[in-house]
Amino acid sequence: MDIPKRIMPNAIIQTRDLTIGYVTRKRPRPVQIRLSLEVFRGEMVCLIGPNGCGKSTLLRTLAGLQPSLRGEIRIDNLPLGKQSLINKARLLALVLTDRVEVSNLTVFNLVATGRNPYTDWLGKLSEHDKELINTALLQVHLEGYANRFINELSDGERQRAMIAKALVQDTPVILLDEPTAHLDINNRVEVMMLLHELARRTNKAIVLSTHELDLALQTADKVWLMTPKRGIAVGTPEDLILTNRFQAVFANNSFRFDPSTGNFVVKHVETLHLVCLKTLGKGNRTYWTERALVRNGYQISSDAPILITIDEAADSWLITKDDQNLVCFSVQELLLQLDKRYLSYL
């Protein structure tokens, strides 16, 4: 029996043989060459890579803000380079890194500018336009903020207002350049989760560049992993990790990527200080204790002269050396007592 082929949807963004870069002194200066990329509706794609590899150049080229050196970009099967400005504005919305600094402009009026490609030269809003604006504010969790002034908002609220503006532009594609650049950790997480949710709920293709590697690995449907002058590896975060491509791009003498946890681990200088760890019960103390020990120059060894017993139930650490015991009740106290005992031992 023939196995039916999986029917794949048409890509909303397609690049073919795309070369991006600049022209200086009438000579092309390519940054990335021959890129063939696809993005589908409902996907959030995170573009990540070291500084200088061309992330912003690629986004600007995809947005039509700068010409490609070669190749073609198609949005919804239309060649981007042949579209008028108004058609481009109806195909894709762009949210840049620049922080919005305006006074006497309400959230509603800012978001309303996203309807400019559809209004007349006076910018008069229809009831449909107003409905889209209110819906967008609801989608980014800014309901009740319509009459607030932009300069009264937090950085996270401003960014959500900019995302709402992109939503009401009613395009199949939204591009964002470092959308979490000015945000604290709470807002960085919220914005990344919001964008992932919006891609699924609105069936839009969302492509963003980011340095938030840990958040990208947790929220992206696909990752475009860009390397300097070596193209882009495309895949789910898990596939790029399992094939060691992620580790290879971010190889560094000061840190390493741990594929078992998805975290970057600082490489601390090792010393001759050895300790043995033993855990009673289940919990998180072993992981965090080991991190603190390694950071402070200790190495875990089964035949070390000092034993640390972690008691998860009692929230304590027991240091044993030469049949002498000392109980500690914090990592800070453990490190302090451990240093004293090692100094006396050595």
C-alpha atoms as a PDB file:
ATOM      1  CA  MET A   1       0.000   0.000   0.000  1.00  0.00           C
ATOM      2  CA  ASP A   2       1.317   3.430  -0.939  1.00  0.00           C
ATOM      3  CA  ILE A   3       1.992   5.732   1.982  1.00  0.00           C
ATOM      4  CA  PRO A   4       0.384   9.124   1.352  1.00  0.00           C
ATOM      5  CA  LYS A   5       2.821  12.000   1.165  1.00  0.00           C
ATOM      6  CA  ARG A   6       2.596  14.670   3.808  1.00  0.00           C
ATOM      7  CA  ILE A   7       1.094  17.803   2.311  1.00  0.00           C
ATOM      8  CA  MET A   8       3.170  20.834   3.314  1.00  0.00           C
ATOM      9  CA  PRO A   9       1.622  24.310   3.261  1.00  0.00           C
ATOM     10  CA  ASN A  10       3.076  26.960   1.018  1.00  0.00           C
ATOM     11  CA  ALA A  11       5.722  29.073   2.710  1.00  0.00           C
ATOM     12  CA  ILE A  12       4.628  32.656   3.410  1.00  0.00           C
ATOM     13  CA  ILE A  13       8.274  33.822   3.231  1.00  0.00           C
ATOM     14  CA  GLN A  14      10.646  32.338   0.662  1.00  0.00           C
ATOM     15  CA  THR A  15      14.162  33.348  -0.286  1.00  0.00           C
ATOM     16  CA  ARG A  16      15.995  31.842  -3.218  1.00  0.00           C
ATOM     17  CA  ASP A  17      19.738  32.180  -3.769  1.00  0.00           C
ATOM     18  CA  LEU A  18      19.664  35.300  -1.589  1.00  0.00           C
ATOM     19  CA  THR A  19      22.896  37.189  -1.007  1.00  0.00           C
ATOM     20  CA  ILE A  20      22.798  40.035   1.507  1.00  0.00           C
ATOM     21  CA  GLY A  21      25.318  42.757   2.265  1.00  0.00           C
ATOM     22  CA  TYR A  22      26.368  46.235   1.222  1.00  0.00           C
ATOM     23  CA  VAL A  23      27.862  48.115  -1.681  1.00  0.00           C
ATOM     24  CA  THR A  24      30.890  50.214  -0.805  1.00  0.00           C
ATOM     25  CA  ARG A  25      32.817  52.181  -3.413  1.00  0.00           C
ATOM     26  CA  LYS A  26      30.648  50.523  -6.040  1.00  0.00           C
ATOM     27  CA  ARG A  27      31.838  47.094  -4.955  1.00  0.00           C
ATOM     28  CA  PRO A  28      29.516  44.519  -3.356  1.00  0.00           C
ATOM     29  CA  ARG A  29      30.416  43.441   0.172  1.00  0.00           C
ATOM     30  CA  PRO A  30      28.439  40.256   0.879  1.00  0.00           C
ATOM     31  CA  VAL A  31      27.683  39.313   4.469  1.00  0.00           C
ATOM     32  CA  GLN A  32      25.808  36.063   3.743  1.00  0.00           C
ATOM     33  CA  ILE A  33      25.481  34.329   0.384  1.00  0.00           C
ATOM     34  CA  ARG A  34      23.006  32.025  -1.370  1.00  0.00           C
ATOM     35  CA  LEU A  35      20.418  31.772   1.401  1.00  0.00           C
ATOM     36  CA  SER A  36      17.343  29.662   0.712  1.00  0.00           C
ATOM     37  CA  LEU A  37      14.927  30.077   3.612  1.00  0.00           C
ATOM     38  CA  GLU A  38      11.251  29.411   4.272  1.00  0.00           C
ATOM     39  CA  VAL A  39       8.805  30.483   6.961  1.00  0.00           C
ATOM     40  CA  PHE A  40       5.256  29.163   7.273  1.00  0.00           C
ATOM     41  CA  ARG A  41       2.133  30.686   8.749  1.00  0.00           C
ATOM     42  CA  GLY A  42       1.742  30.147  12.467  1.00  0.00           C
ATOM     43  CA  GLU A  43       5.511  29.807  13.003  1.00  0.00           C
ATOM     44  CA  MET A  44       7.777  31.859  15.229  1.00  0.00           C
ATOM     45  CA  VAL A  45      11.334  31.797  13.922  1.00  0.00           C
ATOM     46  CA  CYS A  46      14.220  33.112  16.029  1.00  0.00           C
ATOM     47  CA  LEU A  47      17.302  34.381  14.211  1.00  0.00           C
ATOM     48  CA  ILE A  48      20.343  33.966  16.430  1.00  0.00           C
ATOM     49  CA  GLY A  49      24.103  34.083  15.983  1.00  0.00           C
ATOM     50  CA  PRO A  50      27.257  35.932  17.037  1.00  0.00           C
ATOM     51  CA  ASN A  51      27.557  39.693  16.583  1.00  0.00           C
ATOM     52  CA  GLY A  52      28.558  40.757  13.099  1.00  0.00           C
ATOM     53  CA  CYS A  53      27.229  37.703  11.281  1.00  0.00           C
ATOM     54  CA  GLY A  54      24.452  39.655   9.527  1.00  0.00           C
ATOM     55  CA  LYS A  55      21.274  39.203  11.579  1.00  0.00           C
ATOM     56  CA  SER A  56      20.118  42.826  11.282  1.00  0.00           C
ATOM     57  CA  THR A  57      21.189  42.943   7.629  1.00  0.00           C
ATOM     58  CA  LEU A  58      19.022  39.912   6.866  1.00  0.00           C
ATOM     59  CA  LEU A  59      15.999  41.383   8.675  1.00  0.00           C
ATOM     60  CA  ARG A  60      16.390  44.726   6.910  1.00  0.00           C
ATOM     61  CA  THR A  61      16.656  42.942   3.573  1.00  0.00           C
ATOM     62  CA  LEU A  62      13.594  40.801   4.275  1.00  0.00           C
ATOM     63  CA  ALA A  63      11.736  43.984   5.208  1.00  0.00           C
ATOM     64  CA  GLY A  64      12.734  45.692   1.956  1.00  0.00           C
ATOM     65  CA  LEU A  65      14.667  48.427   3.763  1.00  0.00           C
ATOM     66  CA  GLN A  66      17.830  47.611   1.858  1.00  0.00           C
ATOM     67  CA  PRO A  67      18.298  45.815  -1.450  1.00  0.00           C
ATOM     68  CA  SER A  68      19.722  42.334  -1.729  1.00  0.00           C
ATOM     69  CA  LEU A  69      22.934  41.815  -3.681  1.00  0.00           C
ATOM     70  CA  ARG A  70      21.477  38.812  -5.438  1.00  0.00           C
ATOM     71  CA  GLY A  71      18.503  36.459  -5.369  1.00  0.00           C
ATOM     72  CA  GLU A  72      14.821  36.864  -4.639  1.00  0.00           C
ATOM     73  CA  ILE A  73      12.494  37.326  -1.681  1.00  0.00           C
ATOM     74  CA  ARG A  74       8.863  36.336  -2.026  1.00  0.00           C
ATOM     75  CA  ILE A  75       6.158  37.183   0.508  1.00  0.00           C
ATOM     76  CA  ASP A  76       2.883  35.316   0.049  1.00  0.00           C
ATOM     77  CA  ASN A  77       4.273  34.216  -3.333  1.00  0.00           C
ATOM     78  CA  LEU A  78       4.757  37.838  -4.447  1.00  0.00           C
ATOM     79  CA  PRO A  79       8.256  39.133  -5.357  1.00  0.00           C
ATOM     80  CA  LEU A  80       9.015  41.700  -2.655  1.00  0.00           C
ATOM     81  CA  GLY A  81      11.309  43.795  -4.841  1.00  0.00           C
ATOM     82  CA  LYS A  82       8.521  44.492  -7.343  1.00  0.00           C
ATOM     83  CA  GLN A  83       5.943  45.665  -4.816  1.00  0.00           C
ATOM     84  CA  SER A  84       4.948  49.257  -4.199  1.00  0.00           C
ATOM     85  CA  LEU A  85       5.457  50.776  -0.758  1.00  0.00           C
ATOM     86  CA  ILE A  86       1.784  50.410   0.039  1.00  0.00           C
ATOM     87  CA  ASN A  87       1.780  46.743  -0.987  1.00  0.00           C
ATOM     88  CA  LYS A  88       4.909  46.067   1.078  1.00  0.00           C
ATOM     89  CA  ALA A  89       3.177  47.633   4.084  1.00  0.00           C
ATOM     90  CA  ARG A  90       0.277  45.233   3.558  1.00  0.00           C
ATOM     91  CA  LEU A  91       2.587  42.210   3.314  1.00  0.00           C
ATOM     92  CA  LEU A  92       4.841  42.722   6.309  1.00  0.00           C
ATOM     93  CA  ALA A  93       5.107  44.741   9.508  1.00  0.00           C
ATOM     94  CA  LEU A  94       8.417  45.675  11.109  1.00  0.00           C
ATOM     95  CA  VAL A  95       9.208  46.393  14.769  1.00  0.00           C
ATOM     96  CA  LEU A  96      12.682  47.875  15.238  1.00  0.00           C
ATOM     97  CA  THR A  97      14.929  48.013  18.304  1.00  0.00           C
ATOM     98  CA  ASP A  98      14.672  51.787  18.722  1.00  0.00           C
ATOM     99  CA  ARG A  99      12.911  52.804  21.919  1.00  0.00           C
ATOM    100  CA  VAL A 100       9.766  54.853  21.310  1.00  0.00           C
ATOM    101  CA  GLU A 101      10.223  58.362  22.752  1.00  0.00           C
ATOM    102  CA  VAL A 102       7.112  60.461  22.183  1.00  0.00           C
ATOM    103  CA  SER A 103       4.955  62.654  24.358  1.00  0.00           C
ATOM    104  CA  ASN A 104       1.260  63.494  24.111  1.00  0.00           C
ATOM    105  CA  LEU A 105       0.584  60.377  22.036  1.00  0.00           C
ATOM    106  CA  THR A 106      -1.847  57.862  23.419  1.00  0.00           C
ATOM    107  CA  VAL A 107      -1.520  54.112  23.113  1.00  0.00           C
ATOM    108  CA  PHE A 108      -4.613  54.064  20.891  1.00  0.00           C
ATOM    109  CA  ASN A 109      -3.170  56.662  18.501  1.00  0.00           C
ATOM    110  CA  LEU A 110       0.183  54.883  18.320  1.00  0.00           C
ATOM    111  CA  VAL A 111      -1.425  51.549  17.524  1.00  0.00           C
ATOM    112  CA  ALA A 112      -3.747  53.279  15.035  1.00  0.00           C
ATOM    113  CA  THR A 113      -0.761  54.250  12.858  1.00  0.00           C
ATOM    114  CA  GLY A 114      -0.582  50.584  11.915  1.00  0.00           C
ATOM    115  CA  ARG A 115      -3.762  51.159   9.865  1.00  0.00           C
ATOM    116  CA  ASN A 116      -2.094  53.796   7.653  1.00  0.00           C
ATOM    117  CA  PRO A 117      -1.742  51.415   4.666  1.00  0.00           C
ATOM    118  CA  TYR A 118      -5.533  51.086   4.601  1.00  0.00           C
ATOM    119  CA  THR A 119      -6.831  54.584   5.404  1.00  0.00           C
ATOM    120  CA  ASP A 120      -7.214  57.629   3.186  1.00  0.00           C
ATOM    121  CA  TRP A 121      -4.761  60.526   3.187  1.00  0.00           C
ATOM    122  CA  LEU A 122      -6.584  62.069   6.156  1.00  0.00           C
ATOM    123  CA  GLY A 123      -6.023  58.909   8.168  1.00  0.00           C
ATOM    124  CA  LYS A 124      -9.685  58.615   9.107  1.00  0.00           C
ATOM    125  CA  LEU A 125     -10.431  55.396  10.964  1.00  0.00           C
ATOM    126  CA  SER A 126     -13.456  53.288  10.173  1.00  0.00           C
ATOM    127  CA  GLU A 127     -15.367  51.304  12.750  1.00  0.00           C
ATOM    128  CA  HIS A 128     -13.575  48.212  11.417  1.00  0.00           C
ATOM    129  CA  ASP A 129     -10.213  49.914  12.026  1.00  0.00           C
ATOM    130  CA  LYS A 130     -11.185  50.785  15.601  1.00  0.00           C
ATOM    131  CA  GLU A 131     -12.345  47.232  16.209  1.00  0.00           C
ATOM    132  CA  LEU A 132      -8.988  45.876  14.991  1.00  0.00           C
ATOM    133  CA  ILE A 133      -7.127  48.289  17.290  1.00  0.00           C
ATOM    134  CA  ASN A 134      -9.125  47.279  20.348  1.00  0.00           C
ATOM    135  CA  THR A 135      -8.684  43.607  19.476  1.00  0.00           C
ATOM    136  CA  ALA A 136      -4.915  44.069  19.153  1.00  0.00           C
ATOM    137  CA  LEU A 137      -4.727  45.795  22.537  1.00  0.00           C
ATOM    138  CA  LEU A 138      -6.587  42.857  24.009  1.00  0.00           C
ATOM    139  CA  GLN A 139      -4.226  40.371  22.336  1.00  0.00           C
ATOM    140  CA  VAL A 140      -1.133  42.030  23.840  1.00  0.00           C
ATOM    141  CA  HIS A 141      -2.799  42.396  27.251  1.00  0.00           C
ATOM    142  CA  LEU A 142      -3.082  46.198  27.097  1.00  0.00           C
ATOM    143  CA  GLU A 143      -6.848  46.398  27.440  1.00  0.00           C
ATOM    144  CA  GLY A 144      -7.695  49.523  29.404  1.00  0.00           C
ATOM    145  CA  TYR A 145      -4.524  51.293  28.204  1.00  0.00           C
ATOM    146  CA  ALA A 146      -5.990  52.957  25.095  1.00  0.00           C
ATOM    147  CA  ASN A 147      -6.036  56.472  26.595  1.00  0.00           C
ATOM    148  CA  ARG A 148      -2.716  56.192  28.436  1.00  0.00           C
ATOM    149  CA  PHE A 149       0.172  58.278  27.089  1.00  0.00           C
ATOM    150  CA  ILE A 150       3.159  56.391  25.700  1.00  0.00           C
ATOM    151  CA  ASN A 151       5.603  58.233  27.976  1.00  0.00           C
ATOM    152  CA  GLU A 152       3.663  56.920  30.987  1.00  0.00           C
ATOM    153  CA  LEU A 153       4.268  53.266  30.068  1.00  0.00           C
ATOM    154  CA  SER A 154       6.970  50.919  31.229  1.00  0.00           C
ATOM    155  CA  ASP A 155       9.432  49.566  28.664  1.00  0.00           C
ATOM    156  CA  GLY A 156       7.578  46.273  28.557  1.00  0.00           C
ATOM    157  CA  GLU A 157       4.245  48.002  27.980  1.00  0.00           C
ATOM    158  CA  ARG A 158       5.739  50.136  25.202  1.00  0.00           C
ATOM    159  CA  GLN A 159       7.038  47.059  23.447  1.00  0.00           C
ATOM    160  CA  ARG A 160       3.647  45.400  23.662  1.00  0.00           C
ATOM    161  CA  ALA A 161       2.093  48.552  22.198  1.00  0.00           C
ATOM    162  CA  MET A 162       4.521  48.347  19.261  1.00  0.00           C
ATOM    163  CA  ILE A 163       3.567  44.710  18.743  1.00  0.00           C
ATOM    164  CA  ALA A 164      -0.105  45.742  18.759  1.00  0.00           C
ATOM    165  CA  LYS A 165       0.699  48.327  16.078  1.00  0.00           C
ATOM    166  CA  ALA A 166       2.220  45.559  13.963  1.00  0.00           C
ATOM    167  CA  LEU A 167      -0.835  43.367  14.527  1.00  0.00           C
ATOM    168  CA  VAL A 168      -3.320  45.983  13.307  1.00  0.00           C
ATOM    169  CA  GLN A 169      -1.243  46.432  10.169  1.00  0.00           C
ATOM    170  CA  ASP A 170      -2.924  43.142   9.275  1.00  0.00           C
ATOM    171  CA  THR A 171       0.016  41.571   7.454  1.00  0.00           C
ATOM    172  CA  PRO A 172       0.793  37.872   7.117  1.00  0.00           C
ATOM    173  CA  VAL A 173       4.369  38.539   8.288  1.00  0.00           C
ATOM    174  CA  ILE A 174       5.781  40.382  11.304  1.00  0.00           C
ATOM    175  CA  LEU A 175       9.535  41.023  11.590  1.00  0.00           C
ATOM    176  CA  LEU A 176      11.117  42.163  14.858  1.00  0.00           C
ATOM    177  CA  ASP A 177      14.689  43.262  15.509  1.00  0.00           C
ATOM    178  CA  GLU A 178      15.754  42.510  19.102  1.00  0.00           C
ATOM    179  CA  PRO A 179      12.269  42.972  20.608  1.00  0.00           C
ATOM    180  CA  THR A 180      13.531  42.353  24.159  1.00  0.00           C
ATOM    181  CA  ALA A 181      16.605  44.599  23.996  1.00  0.00           C
ATOM    182  CA  HIS A 182      15.469  47.199  26.561  1.00  0.00           C
ATOM    183  CA  LEU A 183      13.485  44.922  28.853  1.00  0.00           C
ATOM    184  CA  ASP A 184      14.074  43.365  32.250  1.00  0.00           C
ATOM    185  CA  ILE A 185      13.952  39.592  32.700  1.00  0.00           C
ATOM    186  CA  ASN A 186      10.238  39.435  33.507  1.00  0.00           C
ATOM    187  CA  ASN A 187       9.269  41.432  30.427  1.00  0.00           C
ATOM    188  CA  ARG A 188      11.732  39.549  28.207  1.00  0.00           C
ATOM    189  CA  VAL A 189      10.033  36.281  29.082  1.00  0.00           C
ATOM    190  CA  GLU A 190       6.553  37.772  28.694  1.00  0.00           C
ATOM    191  CA  VAL A 191       7.295  39.268  25.261  1.00  0.00           C
ATOM    192  CA  MET A 192       8.823  36.064  23.893  1.00  0.00           C
ATOM    193  CA  MET A 193       5.901  34.000  25.176  1.00  0.00           C
ATOM    194  CA  LEU A 194       3.446  36.553  23.797  1.00  0.00           C
ATOM    195  CA  LEU A 195       5.011  36.442  20.319  1.00  0.00           C
ATOM    196  CA  HIS A 196       4.899  32.649  20.270  1.00  0.00           C
ATOM    197  CA  GLU A 197       1.258  32.731  21.347  1.00  0.00           C
ATOM    198  CA  LEU A 198       0.366  35.346  18.711  1.00  0.00           C
ATOM    199  CA  ALA A 199       1.973  33.346  15.901  1.00  0.00           C
ATOM    200  CA  ARG A 200      -0.246  30.387  16.747  1.00  0.00           C
ATOM    201  CA  ARG A 201      -3.414  32.341  17.484  1.00  0.00           C
ATOM    202  CA  THR A 202      -3.276  34.761  14.509  1.00  0.00           C
ATOM    203  CA  ASN A 203      -1.667  32.334  12.023  1.00  0.00           C
ATOM    204  CA  LYS A 204       0.979  34.928  11.180  1.00  0.00           C
ATOM    205  CA  ALA A 205       4.634  34.216  10.453  1.00  0.00           C
ATOM    206  CA  ILE A 206       6.797  35.956  13.067  1.00  0.00           C
ATOM    207  CA  VAL A 207      10.554  36.273  12.557  1.00  0.00           C
ATOM    208  CA  LEU A 208      12.715  37.958  15.173  1.00  0.00           C
ATOM    209  CA  SER A 209      16.392  38.428  15.856  1.00  0.00           C
ATOM    210  CA  THR A 210      17.490  37.982  19.444  1.00  0.00           C
ATOM    211  CA  HIS A 211      20.417  37.508  21.793  1.00  0.00           C
ATOM    212  CA  GLU A 212      18.116  35.761  24.275  1.00  0.00           C
ATOM    213  CA  LEU A 213      19.505  32.330  23.437  1.00  0.00           C
ATOM    214  CA  ASP A 214      17.902  30.484  26.333  1.00  0.00           C
ATOM    215  CA  LEU A 215      14.477  31.994  25.633  1.00  0.00           C
ATOM    216  CA  ALA A 216      14.806  31.345  21.909  1.00  0.00           C
ATOM    217  CA  LEU A 217      15.500  27.674  22.580  1.00  0.00           C
ATOM    218  CA  GLN A 218      12.366  27.450  24.716  1.00  0.00           C
ATOM    219  CA  THR A 219       9.922  29.434  22.570  1.00  0.00           C
ATOM    220  CA  ALA A 220      10.945  29.216  18.901  1.00  0.00           C
ATOM    221  CA  ASP A 221       9.258  26.814  16.516  1.00  0.00           C
ATOM    222  CA  LYS A 222      12.377  27.047  14.363  1.00  0.00           C
ATOM    223  CA  VAL A 223      15.781  28.628  14.734  1.00  0.00           C
ATOM    224  CA  TRP A 224      17.826  30.264  12.008  1.00  0.00           C
ATOM    225  CA  LEU A 225      21.336  29.737  13.369  1.00  0.00           C
ATOM    226  CA  MET A 226      23.575  32.180  11.542  1.00  0.00           C
ATOM    227  CA  THR A 227      27.354  31.827  11.392  1.00  0.00           C
ATOM    228  CA  PRO A 228      29.795  34.395  10.001  1.00  0.00           C
ATOM    229  CA  LYS A 229      30.061  33.824   6.226  1.00  0.00           C
ATOM    230  CA  ARG A 230      28.972  30.181   6.592  1.00  0.00           C
ATOM    231  CA  GLY A 231      25.276  30.464   5.964  1.00  0.00           C
ATOM    232  CA  ILE A 232      22.336  29.590   8.175  1.00  0.00           C
ATOM    233  CA  ALA A 233      21.479  26.264   9.769  1.00  0.00           C
ATOM    234  CA  VAL A 234      17.708  25.833  10.007  1.00  0.00           C
ATOM    235  CA  GLY A 235      15.823  23.510  12.320  1.00  0.00           C
ATOM    236  CA  THR A 236      13.976  23.101  15.568  1.00  0.00           C
ATOM    237  CA  PRO A 237      16.031  24.115  18.615  1.00  0.00           C
ATOM    238  CA  GLU A 238      16.234  20.457  19.644  1.00  0.00           C
ATOM    239  CA  ASP A 239      17.578  19.270  16.280  1.00  0.00           C
ATOM    240  CA  LEU A 240      20.254  21.977  16.183  1.00  0.00           C
ATOM    241  CA  ILE A 241      21.391  20.938  19.664  1.00  0.00           C
ATOM    242  CA  LEU A 242      21.298  17.188  18.994  1.00  0.00           C
ATOM    243  CA  THR A 243      23.392  17.630  15.824  1.00  0.00           C
ATOM    244  CA  ASN A 244      25.937  19.784  17.745  1.00  0.00           C
ATOM    245  CA  ARG A 245      25.445  22.756  15.409  1.00  0.00           C
ATOM    246  CA  PHE A 246      24.435  25.044  18.240  1.00  0.00           C
ATOM    247  CA  GLN A 247      27.439  24.065  20.326  1.00  0.00           C
ATOM    248  CA  ALA A 248      29.818  24.615  17.389  1.00  0.00           C
ATOM    249  CA  VAL A 249      28.583  28.150  16.680  1.00  0.00           C
ATOM    250  CA  PHE A 250      28.921  29.277  20.293  1.00  0.00           C
ATOM    251  CA  ALA A 251      32.148  27.448  21.156  1.00  0.00           C
ATOM    252  CA  ASN A 252      34.237  29.617  23.456  1.00  0.00           C
ATOM    253  CA  ASN A 253      37.197  29.284  25.786  1.00  0.00           C
ATOM    254  CA  SER A 254      35.305  31.020  28.609  1.00  0.00           C
ATOM    255  CA  PHE A 255      32.058  29.039  28.532  1.00  0.00           C
ATOM    256  CA  ARG A 256      30.422  26.006  27.002  1.00  0.00           C
ATOM    257  CA  PHE A 257      26.906  25.064  26.019  1.00  0.00           C
ATOM    258  CA  ASP A 258      25.502  22.155  28.001  1.00  0.00           C
ATOM    259  CA  PRO A 259      23.203  20.157  25.669  1.00  0.00           C
ATOM    260  CA  SER A 260      21.700  18.259  28.587  1.00  0.00           C
ATOM    261  CA  THR A 261      20.237  21.422  30.162  1.00  0.00           C
ATOM    262  CA  GLY A 262      20.168  23.966  27.331  1.00  0.00           C
ATOM    263  CA  ASN A 263      22.237  26.362  29.455  1.00  0.00           C
ATOM    264  CA  PHE A 264      25.580  28.069  28.994  1.00  0.00           C
ATOM    265  CA  VAL A 265      28.101  27.052  31.642  1.00  0.00           C
ATOM    266  CA  VAL A 266      31.033  29.261  32.587  1.00  0.00           C
ATOM    267  CA  LYS A 267      34.369  27.453  32.531  1.00  0.00           C
ATOM    268  CA  HIS A 268      35.929  28.118  35.923  1.00  0.00           C
ATOM    269  CA  VAL A 269      39.598  27.601  36.619  1.00  0.00           C
ATOM    270  CA  GLU A 270      40.063  24.220  38.278  1.00  0.00           C
ATOM    271  CA  THR A 271      42.091  23.855  41.481  1.00  0.00           C
ATOM    272  CA  LEU A 272      43.340  20.960  43.576  1.00  0.00           C
ATOM    273  CA  HIS A 273      40.527  21.444  46.115  1.00  0.00           C
ATOM    274  CA  LEU A 274      38.519  18.224  46.059  1.00  0.00           C
ATOM    275  CA  VAL A 275      35.189  17.471  47.703  1.00  0.00           C
ATOM    276  CA  CYS A 276      32.842  14.505  47.586  1.00  0.00           C
ATOM    277  CA  LEU A 277      29.077  15.068  47.311  1.00  0.00           C
ATOM    278  CA  LYS A 278      26.345  12.833  48.671  1.00  0.00           C
ATOM    279  CA  THR A 279      22.610  13.594  48.531  1.00  0.00           C
ATOM    280  CA  LEU A 280      19.834  12.425  50.828  1.00  0.00           C
ATOM    281  CA  GLY A 281      16.365  12.810  49.320  1.00  0.00           C
ATOM    282  CA  LYS A 282      15.233  14.596  46.160  1.00  0.00           C
ATOM    283  CA  GLY A 283      15.428  18.302  45.420  1.00  0.00           C
ATOM    284  CA  ASN A 284      17.420  21.069  43.750  1.00  0.00           C
ATOM    285  CA  ARG A 285      20.181  21.555  46.290  1.00  0.00           C
ATOM    286  CA  THR A 286      22.654  19.169  44.651  1.00  0.00           C
ATOM    287  CA  TYR A 287      22.603  21.077  41.344  1.00  0.00           C
ATOM    288  CA  TRP A 288      22.986  24.496  42.936  1.00  0.00           C
ATOM    289  CA  THR A 289      25.553  23.297  45.466  1.00  0.00           C
ATOM    290  CA  GLU A 290      27.712  21.866  42.694  1.00  0.00           C
ATOM    291  CA  ARG A 291      27.466  25.119  40.749  1.00  0.00           C
ATOM    292  CA  ALA A 292      28.606  27.125  43.791  1.00  0.00           C
ATOM    293  CA  LEU A 293      31.470  24.740  44.493  1.00  0.00           C
ATOM    294  CA  VAL A 294      32.777  24.766  40.922  1.00  0.00           C
ATOM    295  CA  ARG A 295      32.558  28.569  40.801  1.00  0.00           C
ATOM    296  CA  ASN A 296      34.705  28.764  43.929  1.00  0.00           C
ATOM    297  CA  GLY A 297      37.403  26.454  42.634  1.00  0.00           C
ATOM    298  CA  TYR A 298      36.321  23.099  44.035  1.00  0.00           C
ATOM    299  CA  GLN A 299      36.288  19.888  42.056  1.00  0.00           C
ATOM    300  CA  ILE A 300      33.890  17.016  42.689  1.00  0.00           C
ATOM    301  CA  SER A 301      35.649  13.708  43.317  1.00  0.00           C
ATOM    302  CA  SER A 302      34.556  10.418  44.880  1.00  0.00           C
ATOM    303  CA  ASP A 303      37.803   9.997  46.850  1.00  0.00           C
ATOM    304  CA  ALA A 304      38.076  13.559  48.195  1.00  0.00           C
ATOM    305  CA  PRO A 305      39.206  14.136  51.819  1.00  0.00           C
ATOM    306  CA  ILE A 306      36.052  16.104  52.646  1.00  0.00           C
ATOM    307  CA  LEU A 307      32.512  14.761  52.274  1.00  0.00           C
ATOM    308  CA  ILE A 308      29.502  17.055  51.869  1.00  0.00           C
ATOM    309  CA  THR A 309      26.169  15.377  52.575  1.00  0.00           C
ATOM    310  CA  ILE A 310      23.193  17.315  51.240  1.00  0.00           C
ATOM    311  CA  ASP A 311      20.036  16.641  53.224  1.00  0.00           C
ATOM    312  CA  GLU A 312      17.111  17.828  51.122  1.00  0.00           C
ATOM    313  CA  ALA A 313      14.523  17.136  53.835  1.00  0.00           C
ATOM    314  CA  ALA A 314      16.408  19.049  56.524  1.00  0.00           C
ATOM    315  CA  ASP A 315      17.492  21.911  54.207  1.00  0.00           C
ATOM    316  CA  SER A 316      21.045  21.453  55.393  1.00  0.00           C
ATOM    317  CA  TRP A 317      24.588  20.496  54.397  1.00  0.00           C
ATOM    318  CA  LEU A 318      26.820  18.280  56.561  1.00  0.00           C
ATOM    319  CA  ILE A 319      30.596  18.675  56.187  1.00  0.00           C
ATOM    320  CA  THR A 320      32.547  15.590  57.281  1.00  0.00           C
ATOM    321  CA  LYS A 321      36.326  15.537  57.619  1.00  0.00           C
ATOM    322  CA  ASP A 322      38.460  13.252  59.781  1.00  0.00           C
ATOM    323  CA  ASP A 323      35.354  11.973  61.614  1.00  0.00           C
ATOM    324  CA  GLN A 324      34.375  15.525  62.514  1.00  0.00           C
ATOM    325  CA  ASN A 325      30.992  16.903  61.428  1.00  0.00           C
ATOM    326  CA  LEU A 326      29.671  20.419  60.947  1.00  0.00           C
ATOM    327  CA  VAL A 327      26.131  21.310  59.848  1.00  0.00           C
ATOM    328  CA  CYS A 328      25.487  24.337  57.601  1.00  0.00           C
ATOM    329  CA  PHE A 329      22.144  25.859  56.662  1.00  0.00           C
ATOM    330  CA  SER A 330      23.022  27.928  53.585  1.00  0.00           C
ATOM    331  CA  VAL A 331      25.381  27.716  50.620  1.00  0.00           C
ATOM    332  CA  GLN A 332      27.149  30.830  51.859  1.00  0.00           C
ATOM    333  CA  GLU A 333      27.844  29.209  55.243  1.00  0.00           C
ATOM    334  CA  LEU A 334      28.930  25.988  53.495  1.00  0.00           C
ATOM    335  CA  LEU A 335      31.511  27.819  51.369  1.00  0.00           C
ATOM    336  CA  LEU A 336      32.823  29.759  54.351  1.00  0.00           C
ATOM    337  CA  GLN A 337      33.266  26.678  56.541  1.00  0.00           C
ATOM    338  CA  LEU A 338      34.628  24.638  53.661  1.00  0.00           C
ATOM    339  CA  ASP A 339      37.355  27.185  52.979  1.00  0.00           C
ATOM    340  CA  LYS A 340      38.325  27.198  56.666  1.00  0.00           C
ATOM    341  CA  ARG A 341      38.551  23.431  56.790  1.00  0.00           C
ATOM    342  CA  TYR A 342      40.536  23.148  53.588  1.00  0.00           C
ATOM    343  CA  LEU A 343      43.010  25.749  54.764  1.00  0.00           C
ATOM    344  CA  SER A 344      43.548  23.815  57.968  1.00  0.00           C
ATOM    345  CA  TYR A 345      43.815  20.546  56.039  1.00  0.00           C
ATOM    346  CA  LEU A 346      46.382  21.900  53.601  1.00  0.00           C
END
